[in-house]
């Protein structure tokens, strides 16, 4: 997960140096690095698993959506 934060920070830094603004940039400037990291960690999925289709067509898409929702709601547990 720390690797994701490193990559995200560098992307945000380049964006801001190019004159870009966003709510994410405002959080970093207003509240500092520690708060930005806490906020971003809440947005990073706790676990990235490779997705392999269990079935073809719409059924496989539905299974993927439900699995992503379940992982997103797990709260990192």
N, C-alpha and C. Protein backbone atom coordinates (compact mmCIF):
# COMPACT_ATOMS: atom_id res chain seq x y z
N UNK A 1 0.82 -1.19 0.00
CA UNK A 1 0.00 0.00 0.00
C UNK A 1 0.87 1.26 0.00
N UNK A 2 1.98 1.25 0.71
CA UNK A 2 2.86 2.41 0.74
C UNK A 2 3.36 2.75 -0.66
N UNK A 3 3.56 1.73 -1.50
CA UNK A 3 3.99 1.98 -2.88
C UNK A 3 2.93 2.79 -3.61
N UNK A 4 1.66 2.46 -3.38
CA UNK A 4 0.57 3.21 -4.01
C UNK A 4 0.61 4.67 -3.58
N UNK A 5 0.88 4.92 -2.30
CA UNK A 5 0.96 6.30 -1.81
C UNK A 5 2.13 7.03 -2.45
N UNK A 6 3.26 6.37 -2.60
CA UNK A 6 4.41 6.99 -3.25
C UNK A 6 4.07 7.41 -4.68
N UNK A 7 3.48 6.49 -5.41
CA UNK A 7 3.11 6.75 -6.80
C UNK A 7 2.08 7.87 -6.87
N UNK A 8 1.07 7.80 -6.00
CA UNK A 8 0.01 8.81 -6.00
C UNK A 8 0.56 10.18 -5.63
N UNK A 9 1.45 10.23 -4.65
CA UNK A 9 2.04 11.51 -4.25
C UNK A 9 2.83 12.13 -5.41
N UNK A 10 3.64 11.33 -6.07
CA UNK A 10 4.44 11.85 -7.19
C UNK A 10 3.55 12.34 -8.31
N UNK A 11 2.45 11.63 -8.58
CA UNK A 11 1.51 12.07 -9.61
C UNK A 11 0.85 13.39 -9.21
N UNK A 12 0.46 13.50 -7.94
CA UNK A 12 -0.16 14.74 -7.45
C UNK A 12 0.84 15.89 -7.50
N UNK A 13 2.07 15.62 -7.11
CA UNK A 13 3.12 16.64 -7.12
C UNK A 13 3.34 17.18 -8.54
N UNK A 14 3.44 16.27 -9.51
CA UNK A 14 3.63 16.68 -10.91
C UNK A 14 2.42 17.49 -11.39
N UNK A 15 1.23 17.07 -11.01
CA UNK A 15 0.00 17.76 -11.38
C UNK A 15 0.00 19.18 -10.83
N UNK A 16 0.37 19.32 -9.55
CA UNK A 16 0.38 20.64 -8.91
C UNK A 16 1.48 21.53 -9.50
N UNK A 17 2.65 20.95 -9.80
CA UNK A 17 3.73 21.74 -10.40
C UNK A 17 3.34 22.25 -11.78
N UNK A 18 2.44 21.52 -12.44
CA UNK A 18 1.95 21.94 -13.75
C UNK A 18 0.82 22.96 -13.65
N UNK A 19 0.49 23.38 -12.44
CA UNK A 19 -0.54 24.39 -12.26
C UNK A 19 -1.92 23.83 -11.98
N UNK A 20 -2.02 22.52 -11.82
CA UNK A 20 -3.32 21.92 -11.57
C UNK A 20 -3.78 22.09 -10.14
N UNK A 21 -5.08 22.10 -9.96
CA UNK A 21 -5.66 22.15 -8.62
C UNK A 21 -6.76 21.10 -8.51
N UNK A 22 -6.97 20.60 -7.32
CA UNK A 22 -8.00 19.60 -7.07
C UNK A 22 -8.30 19.58 -5.58
N UNK A 23 -9.34 18.89 -5.19
CA UNK A 23 -9.63 18.73 -3.77
C UNK A 23 -8.51 17.97 -3.07
N UNK A 24 -7.94 17.01 -3.77
CA UNK A 24 -6.82 16.25 -3.21
C UNK A 24 -5.63 17.17 -2.93
N UNK A 25 -5.33 18.05 -3.88
CA UNK A 25 -4.23 19.01 -3.69
C UNK A 25 -4.54 19.97 -2.55
N UNK A 26 -5.79 20.40 -2.46
CA UNK A 26 -6.19 21.31 -1.38
C UNK A 26 -6.02 20.63 -0.02
N UNK A 27 -6.36 19.36 0.08
CA UNK A 27 -6.18 18.62 1.33
C UNK A 27 -4.71 18.59 1.72
N UNK A 28 -3.85 18.29 0.76
CA UNK A 28 -2.41 18.22 1.05
C UNK A 28 -1.88 19.57 1.52
N UNK A 29 -2.27 20.65 0.84
CA UNK A 29 -1.78 21.97 1.19
C UNK A 29 -2.34 22.44 2.53
N UNK A 30 -3.65 22.22 2.74
CA UNK A 30 -4.30 22.75 3.94
C UNK A 30 -4.01 21.94 5.20
N UNK A 31 -3.95 20.61 5.07
CA UNK A 31 -3.85 19.76 6.26
C UNK A 31 -2.51 19.05 6.39
N UNK A 32 -1.71 19.03 5.33
CA UNK A 32 -0.39 18.42 5.41
C UNK A 32 -0.35 16.99 4.93
N UNK A 33 0.88 16.49 4.89
CA UNK A 33 1.14 15.15 4.35
C UNK A 33 0.45 14.05 5.14
N UNK A 34 0.49 14.10 6.47
CA UNK A 34 -0.09 13.03 7.28
C UNK A 34 -1.60 12.88 7.02
N UNK A 35 -2.30 14.01 6.98
CA UNK A 35 -3.75 13.95 6.71
C UNK A 35 -4.02 13.48 5.30
N UNK A 36 -3.21 13.93 4.34
CA UNK A 36 -3.37 13.48 2.96
C UNK A 36 -3.20 11.96 2.88
N UNK A 37 -2.18 11.44 3.58
CA UNK A 37 -1.94 10.00 3.56
C UNK A 37 -3.12 9.24 4.18
N UNK A 38 -3.64 9.74 5.30
CA UNK A 38 -4.80 9.09 5.92
C UNK A 38 -6.00 9.11 4.99
N UNK A 39 -6.23 10.25 4.36
CA UNK A 39 -7.35 10.36 3.43
C UNK A 39 -7.21 9.46 2.23
N UNK A 40 -6.00 9.40 1.69
CA UNK A 40 -5.79 8.56 0.51
C UNK A 40 -5.86 7.08 0.85
N UNK A 41 -5.35 6.69 2.02
CA UNK A 41 -5.43 5.28 2.43
C UNK A 41 -6.87 4.80 2.48
N UNK A 42 -7.77 5.68 2.85
CA UNK A 42 -9.19 5.32 2.90
C UNK A 42 -9.75 5.04 1.51
N UNK A 43 -9.07 5.55 0.49
CA UNK A 43 -9.55 5.37 -0.90
C UNK A 43 -8.90 4.19 -1.61
N UNK A 44 -7.80 3.67 -1.06
CA UNK A 44 -7.09 2.57 -1.71
C UNK A 44 -7.75 1.26 -1.31
N UNK A 45 -8.10 0.42 -2.28
CA UNK A 45 -8.66 -0.88 -1.93
C UNK A 45 -7.69 -1.67 -1.06
N UNK A 46 -8.18 -2.39 -0.06
CA UNK A 46 -7.30 -3.11 0.86
C UNK A 46 -6.52 -4.24 0.20
N UNK A 47 -7.05 -4.83 -0.86
CA UNK A 47 -6.40 -5.96 -1.48
C UNK A 47 -6.77 -5.99 -2.95
N UNK A 48 -5.78 -6.11 -3.82
CA UNK A 48 -6.05 -6.23 -5.24
C UNK A 48 -5.82 -7.66 -5.67
N UNK A 49 -6.88 -8.32 -6.04
CA UNK A 49 -6.79 -9.70 -6.49
C UNK A 49 -6.94 -9.76 -8.00
N UNK A 50 -6.23 -10.66 -8.65
CA UNK A 50 -6.44 -10.81 -10.09
C UNK A 50 -7.85 -11.30 -10.36
N UNK A 51 -8.48 -10.72 -11.36
CA UNK A 51 -9.85 -11.07 -11.68
C UNK A 51 -9.84 -12.04 -12.85
N UNK A 52 -10.42 -13.20 -12.64
CA UNK A 52 -10.58 -14.17 -13.71
C UNK A 52 -12.06 -14.46 -13.86
N UNK A 53 -12.58 -14.38 -15.07
CA UNK A 53 -14.01 -14.59 -15.26
C UNK A 53 -14.44 -16.00 -14.87
N UNK A 54 -15.49 -16.09 -14.06
CA UNK A 54 -16.02 -17.38 -13.63
C UNK A 54 -16.99 -17.94 -14.66
N UNK A 55 -17.60 -17.07 -15.42
CA UNK A 55 -18.56 -17.46 -16.44
C UNK A 55 -18.50 -16.42 -17.54
N UNK A 56 -19.18 -16.67 -18.62
CA UNK A 56 -19.15 -15.71 -19.71
C UNK A 56 -20.36 -14.79 -19.65
N UNK A 57 -20.22 -13.64 -20.30
CA UNK A 57 -21.34 -12.73 -20.45
C UNK A 57 -21.69 -11.95 -19.20
N UNK A 58 -22.95 -11.62 -19.09
CA UNK A 58 -23.46 -10.76 -18.04
C UNK A 58 -23.27 -11.35 -16.65
N UNK A 59 -23.39 -12.65 -16.53
CA UNK A 59 -23.24 -13.29 -15.21
C UNK A 59 -21.84 -13.03 -14.65
N UNK A 60 -20.81 -13.14 -15.46
CA UNK A 60 -19.44 -12.90 -15.00
C UNK A 60 -19.25 -11.45 -14.60
N UNK A 61 -19.84 -10.51 -15.35
CA UNK A 61 -19.74 -9.10 -15.01
C UNK A 61 -20.41 -8.84 -13.66
N UNK A 62 -21.55 -9.45 -13.43
CA UNK A 62 -22.27 -9.27 -12.16
C UNK A 62 -21.45 -9.81 -10.99
N UNK A 63 -20.85 -10.96 -11.18
CA UNK A 63 -20.01 -11.55 -10.13
C UNK A 63 -18.84 -10.62 -9.82
N UNK A 64 -18.21 -10.04 -10.84
CA UNK A 64 -17.10 -9.12 -10.64
C UNK A 64 -17.52 -7.87 -9.88
N UNK A 65 -18.67 -7.32 -10.23
CA UNK A 65 -19.17 -6.12 -9.55
C UNK A 65 -19.47 -6.43 -8.09
N UNK A 66 -20.13 -7.53 -7.82
CA UNK A 66 -20.45 -7.90 -6.43
C UNK A 66 -19.19 -8.16 -5.62
N UNK A 67 -18.20 -8.81 -6.22
CA UNK A 67 -16.94 -9.07 -5.51
C UNK A 67 -16.23 -7.76 -5.17
N UNK A 68 -16.20 -6.82 -6.12
CA UNK A 68 -15.57 -5.54 -5.88
C UNK A 68 -16.29 -4.77 -4.78
N UNK A 69 -17.61 -4.84 -4.78
CA UNK A 69 -18.38 -4.16 -3.73
C UNK A 69 -18.08 -4.78 -2.36
N UNK A 70 -18.01 -6.09 -2.31
CA UNK A 70 -17.74 -6.77 -1.03
C UNK A 70 -16.36 -6.40 -0.51
N UNK A 71 -15.35 -6.38 -1.39
CA UNK A 71 -13.99 -6.00 -0.98
C UNK A 71 -13.94 -4.55 -0.55
N UNK A 72 -14.67 -3.68 -1.25
CA UNK A 72 -14.69 -2.27 -0.91
C UNK A 72 -15.34 -1.99 0.43
N UNK A 73 -16.29 -2.81 0.79
CA UNK A 73 -17.02 -2.61 2.06
C UNK A 73 -16.35 -3.29 3.24
N UNK A 74 -15.29 -4.05 2.98
CA UNK A 74 -14.66 -4.80 4.05
C UNK A 74 -13.90 -3.91 5.03
N UNK A 75 -13.56 -2.69 4.61
CA UNK A 75 -12.86 -1.76 5.50
C UNK A 75 -11.44 -2.16 5.80
N UNK A 76 -10.83 -2.94 4.92
CA UNK A 76 -9.44 -3.32 5.11
C UNK A 76 -9.24 -4.50 6.04
N UNK A 77 -10.32 -5.15 6.45
CA UNK A 77 -10.20 -6.29 7.36
C UNK A 77 -9.78 -7.52 6.60
